[in-house]
Amino acid sequence: MKTTVEIPSGLFAEAKRYAKAEHTTLKALVEMGLRRVLADEKNKPAFKLRDESVGGHGLTPEFRNASWEHIRDAVYGRRDA
């Protein structure tokens, strides 16, 4: 597959020098870089959310069977428009 990629001139020059010193091509460097990034991404551990729950037994009796509106009003105050 052929494609066009824009590379900042300083990075391009550095990559060309590196490729020459390593007796390889810029194309091979780009392929190696892409493969490395994709492999690193595959090997990342899955995000795990820390358990920050607190002890307790759920809602207090006052709110156990309350509607969301009642709980919201208790927390934020009544918001009559």
N, C-alpha and C. Protein backbone atom coordinates (compact mmCIF):
# COMPACT_ATOMS: atom_id res chain seq x y z
N MET A 1 0.86 -1.17 0.00
CA MET A 1 0.00 0.00 0.00
C MET A 1 0.90 1.23 0.00
N LYS A 2 0.63 2.13 -0.87
CA LYS A 2 1.36 3.39 -0.90
C LYS A 2 0.51 4.47 -0.27
N THR A 3 1.18 5.36 0.45
CA THR A 3 0.48 6.48 1.07
C THR A 3 1.45 7.65 1.21
N THR A 4 0.92 8.79 1.52
CA THR A 4 1.75 9.98 1.74
C THR A 4 1.68 10.34 3.21
N VAL A 5 2.84 10.58 3.79
CA VAL A 5 2.92 10.95 5.20
C VAL A 5 3.74 12.22 5.29
N GLU A 6 3.23 13.20 6.03
CA GLU A 6 3.99 14.44 6.24
C GLU A 6 4.82 14.27 7.51
N ILE A 7 6.12 14.51 7.38
CA ILE A 7 7.06 14.37 8.51
C ILE A 7 7.80 15.70 8.64
N PRO A 8 7.89 16.24 9.85
CA PRO A 8 8.64 17.48 10.03
C PRO A 8 10.07 17.33 9.49
N SER A 9 10.57 18.38 8.88
CA SER A 9 11.86 18.30 8.18
C SER A 9 13.00 17.86 9.09
N GLY A 10 13.02 18.33 10.33
CA GLY A 10 14.09 17.93 11.24
C GLY A 10 14.05 16.44 11.56
N LEU A 11 12.86 15.93 11.78
CA LEU A 11 12.69 14.49 12.07
C LEU A 11 13.04 13.67 10.83
N PHE A 12 12.64 14.15 9.67
CA PHE A 12 12.94 13.45 8.42
C PHE A 12 14.46 13.34 8.23
N ALA A 13 15.16 14.45 8.42
CA ALA A 13 16.62 14.45 8.24
C ALA A 13 17.29 13.50 9.24
N GLU A 14 16.84 13.53 10.48
CA GLU A 14 17.40 12.65 11.50
C GLU A 14 17.13 11.18 11.16
N ALA A 15 15.93 10.89 10.69
CA ALA A 15 15.57 9.52 10.32
C ALA A 15 16.41 9.04 9.13
N LYS A 16 16.62 9.91 8.15
CA LYS A 16 17.43 9.54 6.98
C LYS A 16 18.87 9.23 7.41
N ARG A 17 19.42 10.06 8.32
CA ARG A 17 20.78 9.81 8.82
C ARG A 17 20.84 8.47 9.56
N TYR A 18 19.85 8.23 10.39
CA TYR A 18 19.80 6.99 11.16
C TYR A 18 19.70 5.78 10.21
N ALA A 19 18.81 5.87 9.24
CA ALA A 19 18.63 4.78 8.28
C ALA A 19 19.95 4.48 7.55
N LYS A 20 20.64 5.53 7.14
CA LYS A 20 21.91 5.34 6.43
C LYS A 20 22.94 4.67 7.34
N ALA A 21 23.03 5.13 8.57
CA ALA A 21 23.99 4.57 9.52
C ALA A 21 23.68 3.11 9.84
N GLU A 22 22.40 2.75 9.81
CA GLU A 22 21.99 1.38 10.13
C GLU A 22 21.85 0.51 8.88
N HIS A 23 22.19 1.06 7.72
CA HIS A 23 22.11 0.34 6.45
C HIS A 23 20.69 -0.19 6.21
N THR A 24 19.73 0.68 6.37
CA THR A 24 18.33 0.33 6.13
C THR A 24 17.66 1.47 5.39
N THR A 25 16.39 1.39 5.19
CA THR A 25 15.66 2.44 4.46
C THR A 25 14.70 3.17 5.40
N LEU A 26 14.29 4.32 4.96
CA LEU A 26 13.29 5.09 5.71
C LEU A 26 11.99 4.29 5.79
N LYS A 27 11.65 3.61 4.70
CA LYS A 27 10.44 2.78 4.68
C LYS A 27 10.51 1.71 5.78
N ALA A 28 11.66 1.06 5.91
CA ALA A 28 11.82 0.02 6.94
C ALA A 28 11.70 0.62 8.34
N LEU A 29 12.25 1.83 8.53
CA LEU A 29 12.14 2.49 9.85
C LEU A 29 10.69 2.80 10.18
N VAL A 30 9.94 3.30 9.20
CA VAL A 30 8.52 3.62 9.43
C VAL A 30 7.77 2.35 9.78
N GLU A 31 8.02 1.26 9.05
CA GLU A 31 7.36 -0.01 9.33
C GLU A 31 7.69 -0.49 10.74
N MET A 32 8.98 -0.43 11.12
CA MET A 32 9.40 -0.87 12.45
C MET A 32 8.72 -0.03 13.53
N GLY A 33 8.66 1.28 13.30
CA GLY A 33 8.03 2.16 14.27
C GLY A 33 6.55 1.86 14.44
N LEU A 34 5.86 1.68 13.33
CA LEU A 34 4.43 1.36 13.40
C LEU A 34 4.19 0.03 14.10
N ARG A 35 5.00 -0.97 13.75
CA ARG A 35 4.84 -2.28 14.39
C ARG A 35 5.09 -2.20 15.88
N ARG A 36 6.10 -1.42 16.28
CA ARG A 36 6.43 -1.30 17.70
C ARG A 36 5.30 -0.62 18.46
N VAL A 37 4.78 0.46 17.92
CA VAL A 37 3.68 1.19 18.58
C VAL A 37 2.46 0.29 18.72
N LEU A 38 2.12 -0.42 17.65
CA LEU A 38 0.94 -1.30 17.68
C LEU A 38 1.14 -2.46 18.65
N ALA A 39 2.35 -3.02 18.71
CA ALA A 39 2.63 -4.11 19.64
C ALA A 39 2.56 -3.61 21.08
N ASP A 40 3.12 -2.42 21.34
CA ASP A 40 3.07 -1.84 22.68
C ASP A 40 1.63 -1.64 23.12
N GLU A 41 0.82 -1.18 22.20
CA GLU A 41 -0.59 -0.91 22.52
C GLU A 41 -1.31 -2.21 22.87
N LYS A 42 -0.99 -3.27 22.13
CA LYS A 42 -1.61 -4.58 22.38
C LYS A 42 -1.23 -5.12 23.75
N ASN A 43 0.00 -4.83 24.19
CA ASN A 43 0.51 -5.38 25.44
C ASN A 43 0.19 -4.54 26.66
N LYS A 44 -0.49 -3.41 26.45
CA LYS A 44 -0.86 -2.57 27.60
C LYS A 44 -1.89 -3.30 28.45
N PRO A 45 -1.73 -3.24 29.76
CA PRO A 45 -2.77 -3.85 30.59
C PRO A 45 -4.07 -3.06 30.46
N ALA A 46 -5.18 -3.75 30.59
CA ALA A 46 -6.48 -3.09 30.51
C ALA A 46 -6.64 -2.13 31.69
N PHE A 47 -7.32 -1.02 31.45
CA PHE A 47 -7.57 -0.06 32.52
C PHE A 47 -8.46 -0.70 33.57
N LYS A 48 -8.07 -0.55 34.83
CA LYS A 48 -8.88 -1.07 35.92
C LYS A 48 -9.14 0.05 36.90
N LEU A 49 -10.39 0.33 37.12
CA LEU A 49 -10.78 1.39 38.04
C LEU A 49 -10.57 0.90 39.47
N ARG A 50 -9.90 1.72 40.26
CA ARG A 50 -9.68 1.39 41.67
C ARG A 50 -11.00 1.29 42.39
N ASP A 51 -11.10 0.37 43.32
CA ASP A 51 -12.30 0.23 44.14
C ASP A 51 -12.22 1.27 45.25
N GLU A 52 -13.02 2.30 45.16
CA GLU A 52 -13.04 3.37 46.15
C GLU A 52 -14.34 3.36 46.94
N SER A 53 -15.00 2.22 46.94
CA SER A 53 -16.26 2.14 47.67
C SER A 53 -15.99 2.23 49.17
N VAL A 54 -16.99 2.64 49.90
CA VAL A 54 -16.86 2.79 51.34
C VAL A 54 -17.78 1.77 52.01
N GLY A 55 -17.49 1.50 53.26
CA GLY A 55 -18.33 0.57 54.01
C GLY A 55 -19.70 1.18 54.22
N GLY A 56 -20.62 0.39 54.64
CA GLY A 56 -21.95 0.90 54.89
C GLY A 56 -22.99 -0.10 54.43
N HIS A 57 -24.21 0.28 54.61
CA HIS A 57 -25.31 -0.62 54.28
C HIS A 57 -26.30 0.04 53.35
N GLY A 58 -25.80 0.79 52.40
CA GLY A 58 -26.68 1.42 51.43
C GLY A 58 -27.25 2.73 51.93
N LEU A 59 -28.38 3.10 51.39
CA LEU A 59 -29.01 4.37 51.74
C LEU A 59 -29.57 4.34 53.15
N THR A 60 -29.62 5.52 53.77
CA THR A 60 -30.24 5.63 55.07
C THR A 60 -31.75 5.44 54.91
N PRO A 61 -32.42 5.06 55.99
CA PRO A 61 -33.87 4.82 55.88
C PRO A 61 -34.62 5.98 55.24
N GLU A 62 -34.18 7.21 55.48
CA GLU A 62 -34.84 8.40 54.93
C GLU A 62 -34.88 8.38 53.40
N PHE A 63 -33.83 7.81 52.80
CA PHE A 63 -33.71 7.85 51.35
C PHE A 63 -33.89 6.49 50.68
N ARG A 64 -34.10 5.45 51.43
CA ARG A 64 -34.14 4.10 50.88
C ARG A 64 -35.17 3.95 49.76
N ASN A 65 -36.36 4.49 49.92
CA ASN A 65 -37.39 4.37 48.90
C ASN A 65 -37.73 5.72 48.26
N ALA A 66 -36.81 6.66 48.39
CA ALA A 66 -37.07 8.02 47.88
C ALA A 66 -36.86 8.09 46.37
N SER A 67 -37.54 9.02 45.76
CA SER A 67 -37.35 9.26 44.33
C SER A 67 -36.05 10.04 44.13
N TRP A 68 -35.57 10.03 42.88
CA TRP A 68 -34.37 10.80 42.56
C TRP A 68 -34.58 12.28 42.86
N GLU A 69 -35.76 12.79 42.56
CA GLU A 69 -36.04 14.21 42.82
C GLU A 69 -35.90 14.53 44.30
N HIS A 70 -36.40 13.65 45.17
CA HIS A 70 -36.30 13.88 46.63
C HIS A 70 -34.83 13.88 47.06
N ILE A 71 -34.07 12.92 46.56
CA ILE A 71 -32.64 12.85 46.92
C ILE A 71 -31.91 14.08 46.39
N ARG A 72 -32.19 14.44 45.14
CA ARG A 72 -31.55 15.62 44.54
C ARG A 72 -31.86 16.87 45.33
N ASP A 73 -33.13 17.05 45.69
CA ASP A 73 -33.52 18.24 46.45
C ASP A 73 -32.84 18.27 47.81
N ALA A 74 -32.67 17.11 48.43
CA ALA A 74 -32.02 17.06 49.74
C ALA A 74 -30.54 17.43 49.61
N VAL A 75 -29.92 17.03 48.53
CA VAL A 75 -28.49 17.29 48.34
C VAL A 75 -28.26 18.73 47.89
N TYR A 76 -29.02 19.19 46.89
CA TYR A 76 -28.78 20.49 46.27
C TYR A 76 -29.74 21.58 46.71
N GLY A 77 -30.75 21.21 47.45
CA GLY A 77 -31.78 22.20 47.82
C GLY A 77 -32.83 22.23 46.73
N ARG A 78 -33.98 22.67 47.07
CA ARG A 78 -35.08 22.72 46.11
C ARG A 78 -34.79 23.75 45.04
N ARG A 79 -35.03 23.38 43.80
CA ARG A 79 -34.75 24.28 42.68
C ARG A 79 -36.02 24.56 41.91
N ASP A 80 -36.92 25.30 42.52
CA ASP A 80 -38.16 25.65 41.82
C ASP A 80 -37.83 26.72 40.79
N ALA A 81 -38.32 26.50 39.59
CA ALA A 81 -38.03 27.45 38.50
C ALA A 81 -39.11 28.51 38.43
